[in-house]
């Protein structure tokens, strides 16, 4: 899910732009130090795949909204957390600038919600549950749990950021 600019105040959007920008800089330094040049083509191919997969939207009947696949967990498992976060951020930048998916003000929040949770926390959950030499069944279970937790935290992030912005009143009850 991508947040729209209309849901955010400039203060919240700006704060998450700074947070996400700092994470991008940190991850770029880590990837530059720890990765070799053979990983770069894989990052590009996986980025193209995730970009295409995330462009397929599924309508949610009766809500006027839609959902789509998210590739952060796949990227994290295959590339590691730092490269995965960079690829996810790149995909979201292209989607925001070219396809107007989300928006410029919401770009930092979208990078945070769709990148931080799966690439860092989701990967930790996956590794903890699957173990070093886990069976295929255990790896599938670990993936399912990590993906669900990551997506739910991303959705919670949207709600919290919307509430902090004070642009929309959300009724709970």
Protein backbone atom coordinates (compact mmCIF):
# COMPACT_ATOMS: atom_id res chain seq x y z
CA UNK A 1 0.00 0.00 0.00
CA UNK A 2 1.22 3.46 -0.77
CA UNK A 3 0.22 6.45 1.31
CA UNK A 4 -1.11 9.43 -0.57
CA UNK A 5 0.24 12.93 0.03
CA UNK A 6 -3.20 14.07 1.20
CA UNK A 7 -2.94 11.88 4.32
CA UNK A 8 0.24 13.54 5.58
CA UNK A 9 1.18 16.82 7.16
CA UNK A 10 4.41 18.39 5.90
CA UNK A 11 5.98 17.82 9.34
CA UNK A 12 5.33 14.07 9.36
CA UNK A 13 6.22 13.70 5.68
CA UNK A 14 9.42 15.67 6.19
CA UNK A 15 10.40 13.73 9.31
CA UNK A 16 10.03 10.39 7.54
CA UNK A 17 11.87 11.73 4.48
CA UNK A 18 14.83 12.51 6.76
CA UNK A 19 14.61 9.12 8.52
CA UNK A 20 14.35 7.21 5.24
CA UNK A 21 17.08 9.31 3.63
CA UNK A 22 19.39 8.55 6.54
CA UNK A 23 18.65 4.84 6.24
CA UNK A 24 19.33 4.95 2.49
CA UNK A 25 22.71 6.62 3.10
CA UNK A 26 23.60 4.10 5.81
CA UNK A 27 22.57 1.12 3.66
CA UNK A 28 24.47 2.49 0.66
CA UNK A 29 27.65 2.69 2.76
CA UNK A 30 27.15 -0.86 4.07
CA UNK A 31 26.48 -2.29 0.61
CA UNK A 32 29.48 -0.42 -0.78
CA UNK A 33 31.76 -1.91 1.88
CA UNK A 34 30.34 -5.42 2.18
CA UNK A 35 29.09 -6.38 -1.28
CA UNK A 36 31.00 -7.26 -4.38
CA UNK A 37 30.19 -6.16 -7.92
CA UNK A 38 28.52 -9.50 -8.69
CA UNK A 39 25.57 -8.54 -6.48
CA UNK A 40 24.72 -5.41 -8.49
CA UNK A 41 23.16 -7.24 -11.50
CA UNK A 42 21.09 -9.38 -9.11
CA UNK A 43 19.90 -6.21 -7.36
CA UNK A 44 18.83 -4.79 -10.73
CA UNK A 45 17.03 -7.93 -11.88
CA UNK A 46 15.23 -8.37 -8.57
CA UNK A 47 14.36 -4.67 -8.52
CA UNK A 48 12.77 -4.97 -11.97
CA UNK A 49 10.83 -8.04 -10.86
CA UNK A 50 9.56 -6.39 -7.67
CA UNK A 51 8.69 -3.23 -9.59
CA UNK A 52 6.58 -5.23 -12.07
CA UNK A 53 4.96 -7.33 -9.35
CA UNK A 54 4.02 -4.25 -7.32
CA UNK A 55 2.39 -2.59 -10.33
CA UNK A 56 -0.31 -5.29 -10.40
CA UNK A 57 -3.12 -4.01 -8.17
CA UNK A 58 -6.02 -6.00 -6.75
CA UNK A 59 -9.26 -4.13 -6.06
CA UNK A 60 -10.64 -4.48 -2.53
CA UNK A 61 -14.43 -4.59 -3.09
CA UNK A 62 -16.50 -1.96 -1.34
CA UNK A 63 -13.56 0.12 -0.15
CA UNK A 64 -12.46 2.13 -3.17
CA UNK A 65 -8.88 1.05 -2.52
CA UNK A 66 -6.58 -1.65 -3.75
CA UNK A 67 -3.70 -3.80 -2.59
CA UNK A 68 -0.67 -5.17 -4.35
CA UNK A 69 2.18 -7.58 -3.84
CA UNK A 70 5.15 -6.32 -1.87
CA UNK A 71 8.64 -7.56 -2.57
CA UNK A 72 10.57 -6.41 0.48
CA UNK A 73 10.73 -9.82 2.12
CA UNK A 74 11.83 -11.55 -1.08
CA UNK A 75 14.56 -8.97 -1.56
CA UNK A 76 15.72 -9.29 2.05
CA UNK A 77 16.00 -13.08 1.90
CA UNK A 78 17.88 -13.06 -1.41
CA UNK A 79 20.04 -9.92 -1.02
CA UNK A 80 20.36 -9.26 2.69
CA UNK A 81 18.80 -6.33 4.54
CA UNK A 82 20.92 -3.42 3.32
CA UNK A 83 20.85 -4.17 -0.41
CA UNK A 84 17.17 -5.10 -0.13
CA UNK A 85 16.32 -1.76 1.45
CA UNK A 86 18.19 0.12 -1.30
CA UNK A 87 16.38 -1.81 -4.03
CA UNK A 88 13.01 -1.31 -2.35
CA UNK A 89 13.66 2.43 -1.96
CA UNK A 90 14.67 2.66 -5.64
CA UNK A 91 11.49 0.88 -6.74
CA UNK A 92 9.35 3.21 -4.63
CA UNK A 93 11.12 6.32 -5.97
CA UNK A 94 10.42 5.26 -9.57
CA UNK A 95 6.80 4.43 -8.72
CA UNK A 96 6.32 7.83 -7.05
CA UNK A 97 8.06 9.95 -9.69
CA UNK A 98 6.91 8.25 -12.89
CA UNK A 99 3.62 6.56 -11.99
CA UNK A 100 2.53 8.96 -9.22
CA UNK A 101 2.02 6.00 -6.89
CA UNK A 102 1.97 7.59 -3.46
CA UNK A 103 3.46 11.03 -3.90
CA UNK A 104 6.54 13.10 -3.20
CA UNK A 105 5.53 14.16 0.32
CA UNK A 106 4.64 10.55 1.18
CA UNK A 107 7.78 9.03 -0.35
CA UNK A 108 9.67 8.90 2.95
CA UNK A 109 6.77 7.24 4.75
CA UNK A 110 6.26 4.75 1.93
CA UNK A 111 9.96 3.84 1.92
CA UNK A 112 9.81 3.39 5.69
CA UNK A 113 6.58 1.35 5.74
CA UNK A 114 7.39 -0.87 2.74
CA UNK A 115 11.14 -1.10 3.28
CA UNK A 116 12.10 -1.05 6.95
CA UNK A 117 9.66 -3.64 8.26
CA UNK A 118 10.28 -6.43 5.72
CA UNK A 119 13.96 -5.77 5.04
CA UNK A 120 15.04 -5.57 8.67
CA UNK A 121 12.46 -6.88 11.15
CA UNK A 122 10.92 -9.37 8.72
CA UNK A 123 14.32 -10.80 7.88
CA UNK A 124 15.17 -11.17 11.59
CA UNK A 125 11.91 -13.07 12.12
CA UNK A 126 12.54 -15.23 9.07
CA UNK A 127 16.05 -16.16 10.21
CA UNK A 128 14.95 -16.84 13.79
CA UNK A 129 12.10 -19.14 12.74
CA UNK A 130 13.72 -20.92 9.80
CA UNK A 131 17.00 -21.63 11.57
CA UNK A 132 20.33 -22.28 9.87
CA UNK A 133 19.43 -25.51 8.10
CA UNK A 134 15.66 -25.42 8.37
CA UNK A 135 13.48 -27.77 6.37
CA UNK A 136 11.50 -26.50 3.40
CA UNK A 137 8.35 -26.58 5.55
CA UNK A 138 10.03 -24.51 8.25
CA UNK A 139 11.30 -21.98 5.69
CA UNK A 140 7.78 -21.63 4.24
CA UNK A 141 6.33 -21.11 7.71
CA UNK A 142 9.05 -18.58 8.54
CA UNK A 143 8.37 -16.70 5.30
CA UNK A 144 4.62 -16.62 5.92
CA UNK A 145 4.97 -15.34 9.48
CA UNK A 146 7.62 -12.75 8.55
CA UNK A 147 5.59 -11.45 5.59
CA UNK A 148 2.36 -11.16 7.58
CA UNK A 149 4.06 -9.39 10.50
CA UNK A 150 5.93 -7.03 8.15
CA UNK A 151 2.82 -6.11 6.16
CA UNK A 152 0.75 -5.57 9.30
CA UNK A 153 3.43 -3.30 10.76
CA UNK A 154 3.51 -1.36 7.49
CA UNK A 155 -0.27 -0.95 7.64
CA UNK A 156 -0.03 0.14 11.27
CA UNK A 157 2.60 2.66 10.18
CA UNK A 158 0.12 4.19 7.74
CA UNK A 159 -2.47 4.55 10.51
CA UNK A 160 -0.01 6.06 13.00
CA UNK A 161 1.44 8.47 10.43
CA UNK A 162 -2.06 9.54 9.40
CA UNK A 163 -3.04 10.13 13.03
CA UNK A 164 0.17 12.08 13.72
CA UNK A 165 -0.56 14.26 10.69
CA UNK A 166 -4.01 15.20 11.94
CA UNK A 167 -5.31 15.52 8.38
CA UNK A 168 -7.97 12.85 8.63
CA UNK A 169 -9.98 11.91 11.67
CA UNK A 170 -10.06 8.17 12.13
CA UNK A 171 -12.96 6.78 14.08
CA UNK A 172 -12.25 3.79 16.30
CA UNK A 173 -15.21 2.08 17.85
